[in-house]
Every structure is written in structure tokens, then in C-alpha cells.
Amino acid sequence: MAENFPIQQAPQFKTPEEEMSFLRGQLLKREEELKAKSMEIKKEEIARETIEAYKAVPTEKIIHPEKIIAPIEAKKIVLRLEPEAHDKKMEELLSIMLQ
């Protein structure tokens, strides 16, 4: 599916919300395509394929240049994060939000 990812349809995202909205739209579109072909729909598999294809697209093509974080800055952010007691609850909340 990576070769079929509609990069020409993707704007340069300025916010995470724009990016998530686009990806949700791609998931729905793919589900509808499979329904139209009377194919079995496995939402998890569709999501996995979509995300894998999306990961293959270069960041600079989909993220607005002002919003791209330099690799060194991203590493600094990650290194400041430490496990917290409520991490498991946050993971559960995120999975509920993504449904």
C-alpha cells in the first residue's frame, strides 16, 4: 500500500489535529473501498497498512517546514521523558481516543 499512499492529497500539516484528521479520512476511505469490493474489513490491519505507508513518506513532504523539529531537538525532548506512575492509564486513554 505504500506506493498507493495519496501524498498528492496530503497538505503540509501545521497541527497534529490536521494530520490525525487526514489519516482518519484515509482509514475511512480504505474501509469504504474494501466494502465496495465486498472484501472482509479488518480495521486493525487497515490502520497498520495506512500507518506503515504513511511512515514511508518523507517528513518534509507532509509537515509544514516551520513545524519540523530538528533531529537533535527531538532527541533532547525524548531524553527528558521519564516513566511516570500514570503512563499505563494514559496509554489506555489514548487507545480509547483512537477508537
C-alpha atoms as a PDB file:
ATOM      1  CA  MET A   1       0.000   0.000   0.000  1.00  0.00           C
ATOM      2  CA  ALA A   2       2.981   2.345   0.472  1.00  0.00           C
ATOM      3  CA  GLU A   3       3.138   3.002  -3.252  1.00  0.00           C
ATOM      4  CA  ASN A   4      -0.574   3.883  -3.209  1.00  0.00           C
ATOM      5  CA  PHE A   5      -0.402   6.404  -0.391  1.00  0.00           C
ATOM      6  CA  PRO A   6      -2.082   9.570  -1.689  1.00  0.00           C
ATOM      7  CA  ILE A   7       0.728  12.019  -0.946  1.00  0.00           C
ATOM      8  CA  GLN A   8      -0.638  14.328  -3.626  1.00  0.00           C
ATOM      9  CA  GLN A   9      -3.780  14.663  -1.468  1.00  0.00           C
ATOM     10  CA  ALA A  10      -1.889  15.411   1.731  1.00  0.00           C
ATOM     11  CA  PRO A  11      -1.407  19.047   2.598  1.00  0.00           C
ATOM     12  CA  GLN A  12       1.555  20.182   4.655  1.00  0.00           C
ATOM     13  CA  PHE A  13       0.183  19.832   8.152  1.00  0.00           C
ATOM     14  CA  LYS A  14       0.594  22.654  10.644  1.00  0.00           C
ATOM     15  CA  THR A  15      -1.020  20.893  13.601  1.00  0.00           C
ATOM     16  CA  PRO A  16      -1.240  17.328  14.860  1.00  0.00           C
ATOM     17  CA  GLU A  17      -5.018  17.633  14.634  1.00  0.00           C
ATOM     18  CA  GLU A  18      -4.825  18.283  10.873  1.00  0.00           C
ATOM     19  CA  GLU A  19      -2.573  15.271  10.455  1.00  0.00           C
ATOM     20  CA  MET A  20      -4.836  12.989  12.514  1.00  0.00           C
ATOM     21  CA  SER A  21      -7.909  14.175  10.629  1.00  0.00           C
ATOM     22  CA  PHE A  22      -6.236  13.353   7.314  1.00  0.00           C
ATOM     23  CA  LEU A  23      -5.197   9.890   8.498  1.00  0.00           C
ATOM     24  CA  ARG A  24      -8.672   9.121   9.857  1.00  0.00           C
ATOM     25  CA  GLY A  25     -10.085  10.132   6.488  1.00  0.00           C
ATOM     26  CA  GLN A  26      -7.660   7.779   4.739  1.00  0.00           C
ATOM     27  CA  LEU A  27      -8.732   4.914   7.011  1.00  0.00           C
ATOM     28  CA  LEU A  28     -12.416   5.534   6.287  1.00  0.00           C
ATOM     29  CA  LYS A  29     -11.748   5.794   2.561  1.00  0.00           C
ATOM     30  CA  ARG A  30      -9.870   2.473   2.563  1.00  0.00           C
ATOM     31  CA  GLU A  31     -12.657   0.786   4.556  1.00  0.00           C
ATOM     32  CA  GLU A  32     -15.233   2.038   2.040  1.00  0.00           C
ATOM     33  CA  GLU A  33     -13.130   0.764  -0.878  1.00  0.00           C
ATOM     34  CA  LEU A  34     -12.984  -2.699   0.686  1.00  0.00           C
ATOM     35  CA  LYS A  35     -16.717  -2.679   1.467  1.00  0.00           C
ATOM     36  CA  ALA A  36     -17.479  -1.754  -2.139  1.00  0.00           C
ATOM     37  CA  LYS A  37     -15.457  -4.768  -3.281  1.00  0.00           C
ATOM     38  CA  SER A  38     -17.262  -6.964  -0.730  1.00  0.00           C
ATOM     39  CA  MET A  39     -13.948  -7.717   0.917  1.00  0.00           C
ATOM     40  CA  GLU A  40     -13.500  -8.542   4.579  1.00  0.00           C
ATOM     41  CA  ILE A  41     -12.697  -5.482   6.655  1.00  0.00           C
ATOM     42  CA  LYS A  42     -10.137  -5.779   9.444  1.00  0.00           C
ATOM     43  CA  LYS A  43      -9.830  -2.292  10.903  1.00  0.00           C
ATOM     44  CA  GLU A  44      -6.591  -3.058  12.712  1.00  0.00           C
ATOM     45  CA  GLU A  45      -4.971  -4.319   9.522  1.00  0.00           C
ATOM     46  CA  ILE A  46      -6.190  -1.323   7.520  1.00  0.00           C
ATOM     47  CA  ALA A  47      -4.828   1.017  10.195  1.00  0.00           C
ATOM     48  CA  ARG A  48      -1.487  -0.819  10.277  1.00  0.00           C
ATOM     49  CA  GLU A  49      -1.128  -0.671   6.478  1.00  0.00           C
ATOM     50  CA  THR A  50      -2.059   3.011   6.383  1.00  0.00           C
ATOM     51  CA  ILE A  51       0.427   3.946   9.113  1.00  0.00           C
ATOM     52  CA  GLU A  52       3.203   1.886   7.511  1.00  0.00           C
ATOM     53  CA  ALA A  53       2.601   3.611   4.177  1.00  0.00           C
ATOM     54  CA  TYR A  54       2.481   6.999   5.876  1.00  0.00           C
ATOM     55  CA  LYS A  55       5.789   6.357   7.663  1.00  0.00           C
ATOM     56  CA  ALA A  56       7.442   5.854   4.270  1.00  0.00           C
ATOM     57  CA  VAL A  57       6.586   9.407   3.174  1.00  0.00           C
ATOM     58  CA  PRO A  58       9.431  11.870   3.870  1.00  0.00           C
ATOM     59  CA  THR A  59       8.596  14.222   6.762  1.00  0.00           C
ATOM     60  CA  GLU A  60       9.398  17.357   4.769  1.00  0.00           C
ATOM     61  CA  LYS A  61       6.688  16.467   2.233  1.00  0.00           C
ATOM     62  CA  ILE A  62       3.865  16.354   4.778  1.00  0.00           C
ATOM     63  CA  ILE A  63       4.849  18.538   7.712  1.00  0.00           C
ATOM     64  CA  HIS A  64       4.990  22.295   7.273  1.00  0.00           C
ATOM     65  CA  PRO A  65       8.656  23.404   7.377  1.00  0.00           C
ATOM     66  CA  GLU A  66       8.001  25.667  10.378  1.00  0.00           C
ATOM     67  CA  LYS A  67       6.759  22.673  12.380  1.00  0.00           C
ATOM     68  CA  ILE A  68       9.567  20.203  11.695  1.00  0.00           C
ATOM     69  CA  ILE A  69      11.710  19.548  14.757  1.00  0.00           C
ATOM     70  CA  ALA A  70      15.407  19.027  14.106  1.00  0.00           C
ATOM     71  CA  PRO A  71      16.566  15.501  14.987  1.00  0.00           C
ATOM     72  CA  ILE A  72      18.831  16.799  17.754  1.00  0.00           C
ATOM     73  CA  GLU A  73      15.924  18.719  19.316  1.00  0.00           C
ATOM     74  CA  ALA A  74      13.667  15.668  19.099  1.00  0.00           C
ATOM     75  CA  LYS A  75      16.309  13.597  20.878  1.00  0.00           C
ATOM     76  CA  LYS A  76      16.564  16.206  23.652  1.00  0.00           C
ATOM     77  CA  ILE A  77      12.796  16.054  24.153  1.00  0.00           C
ATOM     78  CA  VAL A  78      12.780  12.258  24.308  1.00  0.00           C
ATOM     79  CA  LEU A  79      15.681  12.113  26.734  1.00  0.00           C
ATOM     80  CA  ARG A  80      13.863  14.391  29.198  1.00  0.00           C
ATOM     81  CA  LEU A  81      10.924  11.993  29.417  1.00  0.00           C
ATOM     82  CA  GLU A  82      10.902   9.601  32.326  1.00  0.00           C
ATOM     83  CA  PRO A  83       8.405   6.838  33.106  1.00  0.00           C
ATOM     84  CA  GLU A  84       5.609   8.034  35.362  1.00  0.00           C
ATOM     85  CA  ALA A  85       3.098   6.197  37.524  1.00  0.00           C
ATOM     86  CA  HIS A  86       0.163   7.156  35.312  1.00  0.00           C
ATOM     87  CA  ASP A  87       1.720   6.086  31.968  1.00  0.00           C
ATOM     88  CA  LYS A  88      -0.434   2.933  31.771  1.00  0.00           C
ATOM     89  CA  LYS A  89      -3.620   4.961  32.312  1.00  0.00           C
ATOM     90  CA  MET A  90      -2.537   7.402  29.601  1.00  0.00           C
ATOM     91  CA  GLU A  91      -1.966   4.509  27.174  1.00  0.00           C
ATOM     92  CA  GLU A  92      -5.480   3.244  27.905  1.00  0.00           C
ATOM     93  CA  LEU A  93      -6.929   6.723  27.372  1.00  0.00           C
ATOM     94  CA  LEU A  94      -5.091   7.069  24.062  1.00  0.00           C
ATOM     95  CA  SER A  95      -6.393   3.705  22.836  1.00  0.00           C
ATOM     96  CA  ILE A  96      -9.951   4.773  23.736  1.00  0.00           C
ATOM     97  CA  MET A  97      -9.500   8.056  21.866  1.00  0.00           C
ATOM     98  CA  LEU A  98      -8.243   6.263  18.757  1.00  0.00           C
ATOM     99  CA  GLN A  99     -11.290   4.014  18.526  1.00  0.00           C
END
